[in-house]
Amino acid sequence: MEEWFPPCRFTDCRHQAEPGCAVLAALADGSLSRERWEHYVAQQLENKYVQDKTSYFIDKRARNKTTAMWSKQTKKNGGWKN
């Protein structure tokens, strides 16, 4: 699919409604099937979901580790002091 991206007019083309989009032109002239494009878009959304979910769990684990270390350090120093 990425073979269609370089000819786009803009390097940050979202391939939705931008003028000069090579993907939209390929869809219009039939050299790229709509089914193949929709499958690609669905796959990209699924990949983003998985990546976001993975990042969430990595961040959560880091936050929990930081909280545990902070709690341990607080207890070591005698707890909260007023």
N, C-alpha and C. Protein backbone atom coordinates (compact mmCIF):
# COMPACT_ATOMS: atom_id res chain seq x y z
N MET A 1 0.81 -1.20 0.00
CA MET A 1 0.00 0.00 0.00
C MET A 1 0.85 1.26 0.00
N GLU A 2 1.98 1.23 0.68
CA GLU A 2 2.78 2.45 0.81
C GLU A 2 3.34 2.93 -0.53
N GLU A 3 3.26 2.11 -1.56
CA GLU A 3 3.73 2.53 -2.88
C GLU A 3 2.89 3.69 -3.42
N TRP A 4 1.67 3.84 -2.92
CA TRP A 4 0.80 4.91 -3.37
C TRP A 4 1.07 6.23 -2.64
N PHE A 5 1.76 6.21 -1.53
CA PHE A 5 1.93 7.40 -0.71
C PHE A 5 2.93 8.42 -1.25
N PRO A 6 4.12 8.03 -1.71
CA PRO A 6 5.10 9.03 -2.14
C PRO A 6 4.62 10.01 -3.23
N PRO A 7 3.80 9.59 -4.18
CA PRO A 7 3.38 10.57 -5.19
C PRO A 7 2.39 11.63 -4.70
N CYS A 8 1.89 11.51 -3.49
CA CYS A 8 0.96 12.51 -2.97
C CYS A 8 1.62 13.88 -2.93
N ARG A 9 0.82 14.92 -3.14
CA ARG A 9 1.35 16.28 -3.17
C ARG A 9 1.94 16.68 -1.81
N PHE A 10 1.28 16.28 -0.74
CA PHE A 10 1.72 16.66 0.61
C PHE A 10 2.32 15.46 1.33
N THR A 11 3.40 15.68 2.06
CA THR A 11 4.05 14.57 2.78
C THR A 11 3.22 14.09 3.97
N ASP A 12 2.35 14.96 4.49
CA ASP A 12 1.50 14.56 5.62
C ASP A 12 0.07 14.26 5.16
N CYS A 13 -0.09 13.83 3.94
CA CYS A 13 -1.40 13.53 3.36
C CYS A 13 -2.10 12.44 4.18
N ARG A 14 -3.38 12.69 4.49
CA ARG A 14 -4.16 11.71 5.24
C ARG A 14 -4.95 10.80 4.30
N HIS A 15 -4.90 11.09 3.01
CA HIS A 15 -5.55 10.27 1.99
C HIS A 15 -7.05 10.24 2.18
N GLN A 16 -7.63 11.40 2.53
CA GLN A 16 -9.07 11.47 2.73
C GLN A 16 -9.73 12.46 1.79
N ALA A 17 -9.21 13.68 1.72
CA ALA A 17 -9.83 14.68 0.85
C ALA A 17 -8.82 15.71 0.33
N GLU A 18 -7.54 15.47 0.57
CA GLU A 18 -6.51 16.42 0.19
C GLU A 18 -6.35 16.48 -1.33
N PRO A 19 -6.15 17.69 -1.88
CA PRO A 19 -5.91 17.79 -3.32
C PRO A 19 -4.54 17.20 -3.66
N GLY A 20 -4.45 16.52 -4.78
CA GLY A 20 -3.18 15.95 -5.20
C GLY A 20 -2.86 14.63 -4.53
N CYS A 21 -3.84 13.99 -3.92
CA CYS A 21 -3.61 12.72 -3.23
C CYS A 21 -3.56 11.58 -4.26
N ALA A 22 -2.46 10.87 -4.29
CA ALA A 22 -2.28 9.77 -5.24
C ALA A 22 -3.19 8.59 -4.90
N VAL A 23 -3.46 8.38 -3.63
CA VAL A 23 -4.34 7.27 -3.22
C VAL A 23 -5.76 7.52 -3.73
N LEU A 24 -6.26 8.74 -3.54
CA LEU A 24 -7.61 9.06 -4.00
C LEU A 24 -7.69 8.97 -5.53
N ALA A 25 -6.63 9.39 -6.20
CA ALA A 25 -6.60 9.29 -7.66
C ALA A 25 -6.62 7.82 -8.10
N ALA A 26 -5.86 6.98 -7.40
CA ALA A 26 -5.83 5.55 -7.72
C ALA A 26 -7.18 4.89 -7.44
N LEU A 27 -7.85 5.32 -6.40
CA LEU A 27 -9.19 4.81 -6.12
C LEU A 27 -10.17 5.24 -7.21
N ALA A 28 -10.03 6.49 -7.65
CA ALA A 28 -10.93 7.02 -8.67
C ALA A 28 -10.74 6.33 -10.03
N ASP A 29 -9.48 6.05 -10.39
CA ASP A 29 -9.26 5.43 -11.71
C ASP A 29 -9.30 3.90 -11.67
N GLY A 30 -9.48 3.34 -10.49
CA GLY A 30 -9.64 1.89 -10.37
C GLY A 30 -8.35 1.10 -10.26
N SER A 31 -7.19 1.78 -10.26
CA SER A 31 -5.94 1.03 -10.12
C SER A 31 -5.72 0.54 -8.69
N LEU A 32 -6.47 1.08 -7.76
CA LEU A 32 -6.47 0.60 -6.37
C LEU A 32 -7.92 0.29 -6.01
N SER A 33 -8.18 -0.94 -5.61
CA SER A 33 -9.56 -1.31 -5.29
C SER A 33 -9.98 -0.72 -3.95
N ARG A 34 -11.23 -0.32 -3.89
CA ARG A 34 -11.77 0.26 -2.65
C ARG A 34 -11.68 -0.77 -1.52
N GLU A 35 -11.93 -2.04 -1.82
CA GLU A 35 -11.87 -3.09 -0.80
C GLU A 35 -10.47 -3.20 -0.20
N ARG A 36 -9.46 -3.15 -1.05
CA ARG A 36 -8.08 -3.24 -0.56
C ARG A 36 -7.74 -2.04 0.31
N TRP A 37 -8.17 -0.84 -0.11
CA TRP A 37 -7.91 0.37 0.66
C TRP A 37 -8.62 0.31 2.01
N GLU A 38 -9.88 -0.12 2.03
CA GLU A 38 -10.63 -0.20 3.29
C GLU A 38 -10.01 -1.23 4.23
N HIS A 39 -9.50 -2.32 3.68
CA HIS A 39 -8.82 -3.31 4.50
C HIS A 39 -7.56 -2.72 5.12
N TYR A 40 -6.81 -1.97 4.32
CA TYR A 40 -5.59 -1.32 4.81
C TYR A 40 -5.92 -0.34 5.94
N VAL A 41 -6.93 0.49 5.75
CA VAL A 41 -7.33 1.47 6.77
C VAL A 41 -7.75 0.76 8.05
N ALA A 42 -8.53 -0.31 7.92
CA ALA A 42 -8.96 -1.07 9.10
C ALA A 42 -7.75 -1.67 9.83
N GLN A 43 -6.79 -2.17 9.08
CA GLN A 43 -5.59 -2.75 9.69
C GLN A 43 -4.78 -1.69 10.43
N GLN A 44 -4.69 -0.50 9.85
CA GLN A 44 -3.96 0.59 10.51
C GLN A 44 -4.65 1.00 11.81
N LEU A 45 -5.99 1.05 11.81
CA LEU A 45 -6.72 1.38 13.04
C LEU A 45 -6.51 0.32 14.11
N GLU A 46 -6.50 -0.94 13.69
CA GLU A 46 -6.27 -2.03 14.64
C GLU A 46 -4.86 -1.94 15.21
N ASN A 47 -3.87 -1.66 14.36
CA ASN A 47 -2.49 -1.52 14.83
C ASN A 47 -2.37 -0.37 15.83
N LYS A 48 -3.05 0.75 15.55
CA LYS A 48 -3.01 1.89 16.46
C LYS A 48 -3.63 1.52 17.81
N TYR A 49 -4.74 0.80 17.78
CA TYR A 49 -5.40 0.37 19.01
C TYR A 49 -4.46 -0.50 19.85
N VAL A 50 -3.82 -1.47 19.21
CA VAL A 50 -2.92 -2.38 19.92
C VAL A 50 -1.74 -1.61 20.49
N GLN A 51 -1.18 -0.68 19.70
CA GLN A 51 -0.05 0.11 20.16
C GLN A 51 -0.44 0.98 21.35
N ASP A 52 -1.62 1.63 21.24
CA ASP A 52 -2.09 2.48 22.34
C ASP A 52 -2.31 1.66 23.61
N LYS A 53 -2.88 0.47 23.45
CA LYS A 53 -3.15 -0.40 24.60
C LYS A 53 -1.83 -0.84 25.23
N THR A 54 -0.86 -1.21 24.41
CA THR A 54 0.44 -1.62 24.91
C THR A 54 1.12 -0.47 25.65
N SER A 55 1.07 0.71 25.06
CA SER A 55 1.67 1.89 25.70
C SER A 55 1.00 2.18 27.03
N TYR A 56 -0.31 2.03 27.08
CA TYR A 56 -1.05 2.26 28.32
C TYR A 56 -0.53 1.35 29.43
N PHE A 57 -0.38 0.05 29.12
CA PHE A 57 0.07 -0.90 30.15
C PHE A 57 1.53 -0.66 30.55
N ILE A 58 2.36 -0.27 29.61
CA ILE A 58 3.75 0.05 29.94
C ILE A 58 3.79 1.27 30.87
N ASP A 59 3.01 2.31 30.55
CA ASP A 59 2.95 3.50 31.40
C ASP A 59 2.38 3.18 32.77
N LYS A 60 1.35 2.34 32.81
CA LYS A 60 0.73 1.96 34.08
C LYS A 60 1.73 1.23 34.96
N ARG A 61 2.49 0.30 34.37
CA ARG A 61 3.49 -0.45 35.12
C ARG A 61 4.56 0.51 35.67
N ALA A 62 4.98 1.48 34.88
CA ALA A 62 5.98 2.45 35.33
C ALA A 62 5.42 3.30 36.48
N ARG A 63 4.16 3.73 36.37
CA ARG A 63 3.55 4.52 37.45
C ARG A 63 3.46 3.70 38.73
N ASN A 64 3.05 2.44 38.62
CA ASN A 64 2.94 1.58 39.80
C ASN A 64 4.30 1.37 40.44
N LYS A 65 5.33 1.20 39.63
CA LYS A 65 6.67 1.00 40.16
C LYS A 65 7.15 2.26 40.89
N THR A 66 6.88 3.42 40.31
CA THR A 66 7.27 4.68 40.93
C THR A 66 6.54 4.87 42.25
N THR A 67 5.25 4.57 42.27
CA THR A 67 4.45 4.70 43.49
C THR A 67 4.96 3.75 44.57
N ALA A 68 5.28 2.53 44.19
CA ALA A 68 5.80 1.54 45.16
C ALA A 68 7.14 2.00 45.72
N MET A 69 8.01 2.51 44.87
CA MET A 69 9.32 2.99 45.35
C MET A 69 9.14 4.18 46.27
N TRP A 70 8.23 5.10 45.93
CA TRP A 70 7.98 6.27 46.76
C TRP A 70 7.42 5.85 48.11
N SER A 71 6.50 4.89 48.10
CA SER A 71 5.90 4.40 49.34
C SER A 71 6.95 3.74 50.23
N LYS A 72 7.81 2.93 49.62
CA LYS A 72 8.87 2.25 50.37
C LYS A 72 9.82 3.28 50.99
N GLN A 73 10.17 4.31 50.22
CA GLN A 73 11.08 5.34 50.71
C GLN A 73 10.44 6.13 51.85
N THR A 74 9.14 6.39 51.72
CA THR A 74 8.42 7.13 52.77
C THR A 74 8.41 6.31 54.06
N LYS A 75 8.14 5.02 53.98
CA LYS A 75 8.14 4.16 55.16
C LYS A 75 9.53 4.08 55.77
N LYS A 76 10.55 4.00 54.93
CA LYS A 76 11.92 3.92 55.41
C LYS A 76 12.32 5.16 56.20
N ASN A 77 11.79 6.32 55.78
CA ASN A 77 12.12 7.57 56.44
C ASN A 77 11.19 7.92 57.59
N GLY A 78 10.40 6.96 58.02
CA GLY A 78 9.56 7.18 59.19
C GLY A 78 8.14 7.61 58.88
N GLY A 79 7.75 7.50 57.63
CA GLY A 79 6.37 7.84 57.26
C GLY A 79 6.15 9.33 57.14
N TRP A 80 4.87 9.69 57.12
CA TRP A 80 4.51 11.11 57.00
C TRP A 80 4.82 11.83 58.30
N LYS A 81 5.40 13.01 58.18
CA LYS A 81 5.67 13.81 59.35
C LYS A 81 4.90 15.12 59.23
N ASN A 82 4.20 15.46 60.26
CA ASN A 82 3.39 16.69 60.24
C ASN A 82 4.13 17.83 60.85
